[in-house]
């Protein structure tokens, strides 16, 4: 299981990558809702509730002040997520802890590559 990212380690680029992965994970979660007496599976809306689309828009924006504010807001959001959710997000972005790897693993002496591929 990947270790967590400390909230102080976030910069705008890393926060953007993690926020996009979190958005996908939250969009894939569903819930059962009773509509007119019939149970239906509907997509969850947790991403909208925690204002993730707004944070993403401001992280991608041109204004440095808006990006910095969005970074602070995302750091606060990240610290409130469950261990399961953070593990899913870190797995989705390919994050790993070099200290947990085997000595022979070529990744063991460096941190994950977090450059944005898009």
C-alpha atoms as a PDB file:
ATOM      1  CA  UNK A   1       0.000   0.000   0.000  1.00  0.00           C
ATOM      2  CA  UNK A   2       1.504   3.364  -0.937  1.00  0.00           C
ATOM      3  CA  UNK A   3       2.282   5.781   1.807  1.00  0.00           C
ATOM      4  CA  UNK A   4       0.462   9.079   1.985  1.00  0.00           C
ATOM      5  CA  UNK A   5       1.687  12.408   0.688  1.00  0.00           C
ATOM      6  CA  UNK A   6       2.232  14.989   3.401  1.00  0.00           C
ATOM      7  CA  UNK A   7       0.053  18.042   2.758  1.00  0.00           C
ATOM      8  CA  UNK A   8       3.125  20.291   2.977  1.00  0.00           C
ATOM      9  CA  UNK A   9       4.667  18.434   0.012  1.00  0.00           C
ATOM     10  CA  UNK A  10       1.980  19.620  -2.402  1.00  0.00           C
ATOM     11  CA  UNK A  11       2.799  22.145  -5.057  1.00  0.00           C
ATOM     12  CA  UNK A  12       0.314  23.236  -7.716  1.00  0.00           C
ATOM     13  CA  UNK A  13       1.407  20.606 -10.278  1.00  0.00           C
ATOM     14  CA  UNK A  14       1.205  17.703  -7.815  1.00  0.00           C
ATOM     15  CA  UNK A  15      -2.097  18.957  -6.393  1.00  0.00           C
ATOM     16  CA  UNK A  16      -3.529  19.175  -9.915  1.00  0.00           C
ATOM     17  CA  UNK A  17      -2.474  15.613 -10.717  1.00  0.00           C
ATOM     18  CA  UNK A  18      -3.837  14.259  -7.424  1.00  0.00           C
ATOM     19  CA  UNK A  19      -7.076  16.269  -7.718  1.00  0.00           C
ATOM     20  CA  UNK A  20      -7.731  14.904 -11.214  1.00  0.00           C
ATOM     21  CA  UNK A  21      -7.206  11.338  -9.976  1.00  0.00           C
ATOM     22  CA  UNK A  22      -9.483  12.021  -6.991  1.00  0.00           C
ATOM     23  CA  UNK A  23     -12.154  13.388  -9.332  1.00  0.00           C
ATOM     24  CA  UNK A  24     -12.130  10.183 -11.389  1.00  0.00           C
ATOM     25  CA  UNK A  25     -12.278   7.992  -8.282  1.00  0.00           C
ATOM     26  CA  UNK A  26     -15.179   9.934  -6.781  1.00  0.00           C
ATOM     27  CA  UNK A  27     -17.063   9.901 -10.105  1.00  0.00           C
ATOM     28  CA  UNK A  28     -16.771   6.104 -10.257  1.00  0.00           C
ATOM     29  CA  UNK A  29     -18.426   5.637  -6.875  1.00  0.00           C
ATOM     30  CA  UNK A  30     -22.150   4.998  -6.927  1.00  0.00           C
ATOM     31  CA  UNK A  31     -24.974   4.815  -4.422  1.00  0.00           C
ATOM     32  CA  UNK A  32     -28.432   3.295  -4.315  1.00  0.00           C
ATOM     33  CA  UNK A  33     -31.338   5.727  -4.345  1.00  0.00           C
ATOM     34  CA  UNK A  34     -35.021   4.912  -4.068  1.00  0.00           C
ATOM     35  CA  UNK A  35     -37.004   6.687  -6.788  1.00  0.00           C
ATOM     36  CA  UNK A  36     -40.782   6.137  -6.787  1.00  0.00           C
ATOM     37  CA  UNK A  37     -40.332   2.986  -4.714  1.00  0.00           C
ATOM     38  CA  UNK A  38     -37.721   1.526  -7.068  1.00  0.00           C
ATOM     39  CA  UNK A  39     -34.049   1.195  -6.121  1.00  0.00           C
ATOM     40  CA  UNK A  40     -31.696   2.667  -8.682  1.00  0.00           C
ATOM     41  CA  UNK A  41     -27.927   2.961  -8.772  1.00  0.00           C
ATOM     42  CA  UNK A  42     -26.923   6.567  -9.302  1.00  0.00           C
ATOM     43  CA  UNK A  43     -23.503   8.204  -9.489  1.00  0.00           C
ATOM     44  CA  UNK A  44     -22.255   9.720  -6.256  1.00  0.00           C
ATOM     45  CA  UNK A  45     -21.946  13.463  -5.925  1.00  0.00           C
ATOM     46  CA  UNK A  46     -19.219  13.682  -3.302  1.00  0.00           C
ATOM     47  CA  UNK A  47     -16.888  15.483  -5.717  1.00  0.00           C
ATOM     48  CA  UNK A  48     -19.365  18.313  -6.127  1.00  0.00           C
ATOM     49  CA  UNK A  49     -20.127  18.420  -2.419  1.00  0.00           C
ATOM     50  CA  UNK A  50     -16.460  18.994  -1.529  1.00  0.00           C
ATOM     51  CA  UNK A  51     -16.206  21.564  -4.364  1.00  0.00           C
ATOM     52  CA  UNK A  52     -13.591  19.582  -6.291  1.00  0.00           C
ATOM     53  CA  UNK A  53     -14.578  21.007  -9.726  1.00  0.00           C
ATOM     54  CA  UNK A  54     -14.058  24.536  -8.392  1.00  0.00           C
ATOM     55  CA  UNK A  55     -10.689  23.623  -6.910  1.00  0.00           C
ATOM     56  CA  UNK A  56      -9.593  22.024 -10.193  1.00  0.00           C
ATOM     57  CA  UNK A  57     -10.653  25.055 -12.215  1.00  0.00           C
ATOM     58  CA  UNK A  58      -8.696  27.394  -9.969  1.00  0.00           C
ATOM     59  CA  UNK A  59      -5.625  25.090  -9.919  1.00  0.00           C
ATOM     60  CA  UNK A  60      -5.618  25.195 -13.729  1.00  0.00           C
ATOM     61  CA  UNK A  61      -6.199  28.955 -13.837  1.00  0.00           C
ATOM     62  CA  UNK A  62      -3.782  31.659 -14.846  1.00  0.00           C
ATOM     63  CA  UNK A  63      -3.967  33.723 -11.664  1.00  0.00           C
ATOM     64  CA  UNK A  64      -1.236  32.838  -9.193  1.00  0.00           C
ATOM     65  CA  UNK A  65      -3.341  34.013  -6.264  1.00  0.00           C
ATOM     66  CA  UNK A  66      -6.253  31.802  -7.318  1.00  0.00           C
ATOM     67  CA  UNK A  67      -3.913  28.811  -7.746  1.00  0.00           C
ATOM     68  CA  UNK A  68      -2.388  29.392  -4.316  1.00  0.00           C
ATOM     69  CA  UNK A  69      -5.835  29.658  -2.711  1.00  0.00           C
ATOM     70  CA  UNK A  70      -6.962  26.497  -4.489  1.00  0.00           C
ATOM     71  CA  UNK A  71      -3.786  24.727  -3.336  1.00  0.00           C
ATOM     72  CA  UNK A  72      -4.551  25.609   0.287  1.00  0.00           C
ATOM     73  CA  UNK A  73      -8.135  24.455  -0.123  1.00  0.00           C
ATOM     74  CA  UNK A  74      -7.004  21.175  -1.693  1.00  0.00           C
ATOM     75  CA  UNK A  75      -4.471  20.583   1.092  1.00  0.00           C
ATOM     76  CA  UNK A  76      -7.301  20.956   3.607  1.00  0.00           C
ATOM     77  CA  UNK A  77      -9.497  18.576   1.598  1.00  0.00           C
ATOM     78  CA  UNK A  78      -6.674  16.031   1.259  1.00  0.00           C
ATOM     79  CA  UNK A  79      -6.131  15.931   5.014  1.00  0.00           C
ATOM     80  CA  UNK A  80      -9.803  15.012   5.560  1.00  0.00           C
ATOM     81  CA  UNK A  81      -9.922  12.042   3.156  1.00  0.00           C
ATOM     82  CA  UNK A  82      -9.999   8.479   4.431  1.00  0.00           C
ATOM     83  CA  UNK A  83      -6.963   6.199   4.196  1.00  0.00           C
ATOM     84  CA  UNK A  84      -8.776   4.032   1.649  1.00  0.00           C
ATOM     85  CA  UNK A  85      -9.478   6.995  -0.618  1.00  0.00           C
ATOM     86  CA  UNK A  86      -5.950   8.402  -0.378  1.00  0.00           C
ATOM     87  CA  UNK A  87      -4.528   4.940  -1.112  1.00  0.00           C
ATOM     88  CA  UNK A  88      -6.747   4.658  -4.212  1.00  0.00           C
ATOM     89  CA  UNK A  89      -5.645   8.090  -5.428  1.00  0.00           C
ATOM     90  CA  UNK A  90      -1.956   7.421  -4.814  1.00  0.00           C
ATOM     91  CA  UNK A  91      -2.233   4.085  -6.600  1.00  0.00           C
ATOM     92  CA  UNK A  92      -3.955   5.808  -9.541  1.00  0.00           C
ATOM     93  CA  UNK A  93      -1.127   8.332  -9.966  1.00  0.00           C
ATOM     94  CA  UNK A  94       1.597   5.690  -9.540  1.00  0.00           C
ATOM     95  CA  UNK A  95       2.892   7.002  -6.210  1.00  0.00           C
ATOM     96  CA  UNK A  96       5.183   4.766  -4.163  1.00  0.00           C
ATOM     97  CA  UNK A  97       7.404   5.071  -1.120  1.00  0.00           C
ATOM     98  CA  UNK A  98      11.043   4.294  -2.051  1.00  0.00           C
ATOM     99  CA  UNK A  99      11.690   3.059   1.503  1.00  0.00           C
ATOM    100  CA  UNK A 100       9.104   0.280   1.108  1.00  0.00           C
ATOM    101  CA  UNK A 101      10.657  -1.154  -2.067  1.00  0.00           C
ATOM    102  CA  UNK A 102      12.983  -4.129  -2.344  1.00  0.00           C
ATOM    103  CA  UNK A 103      16.699  -3.358  -2.634  1.00  0.00           C
ATOM    104  CA  UNK A 104      16.815  -4.749  -6.180  1.00  0.00           C
ATOM    105  CA  UNK A 105      13.918  -2.610  -7.396  1.00  0.00           C
ATOM    106  CA  UNK A 106      15.331   0.104  -9.695  1.00  0.00           C
ATOM    107  CA  UNK A 107      12.854   2.622  -8.250  1.00  0.00           C
ATOM    108  CA  UNK A 108      14.187   2.163  -4.694  1.00  0.00           C
ATOM    109  CA  UNK A 109      16.616   5.062  -4.863  1.00  0.00           C
ATOM    110  CA  UNK A 110      14.308   7.725  -6.289  1.00  0.00           C
ATOM    111  CA  UNK A 111      10.886   9.254  -5.810  1.00  0.00           C
ATOM    112  CA  UNK A 112       8.027   8.735  -8.271  1.00  0.00           C
ATOM    113  CA  UNK A 113       7.986  10.776 -11.457  1.00  0.00           C
ATOM    114  CA  UNK A 114       5.138  13.257 -11.013  1.00  0.00           C
ATOM    115  CA  UNK A 115       5.409  15.187 -14.257  1.00  0.00           C
ATOM    116  CA  UNK A 116       2.065  15.835 -15.900  1.00  0.00           C
ATOM    117  CA  UNK A 117       1.697  13.567 -18.940  1.00  0.00           C
ATOM    118  CA  UNK A 118      -1.440  15.089 -20.416  1.00  0.00           C
END
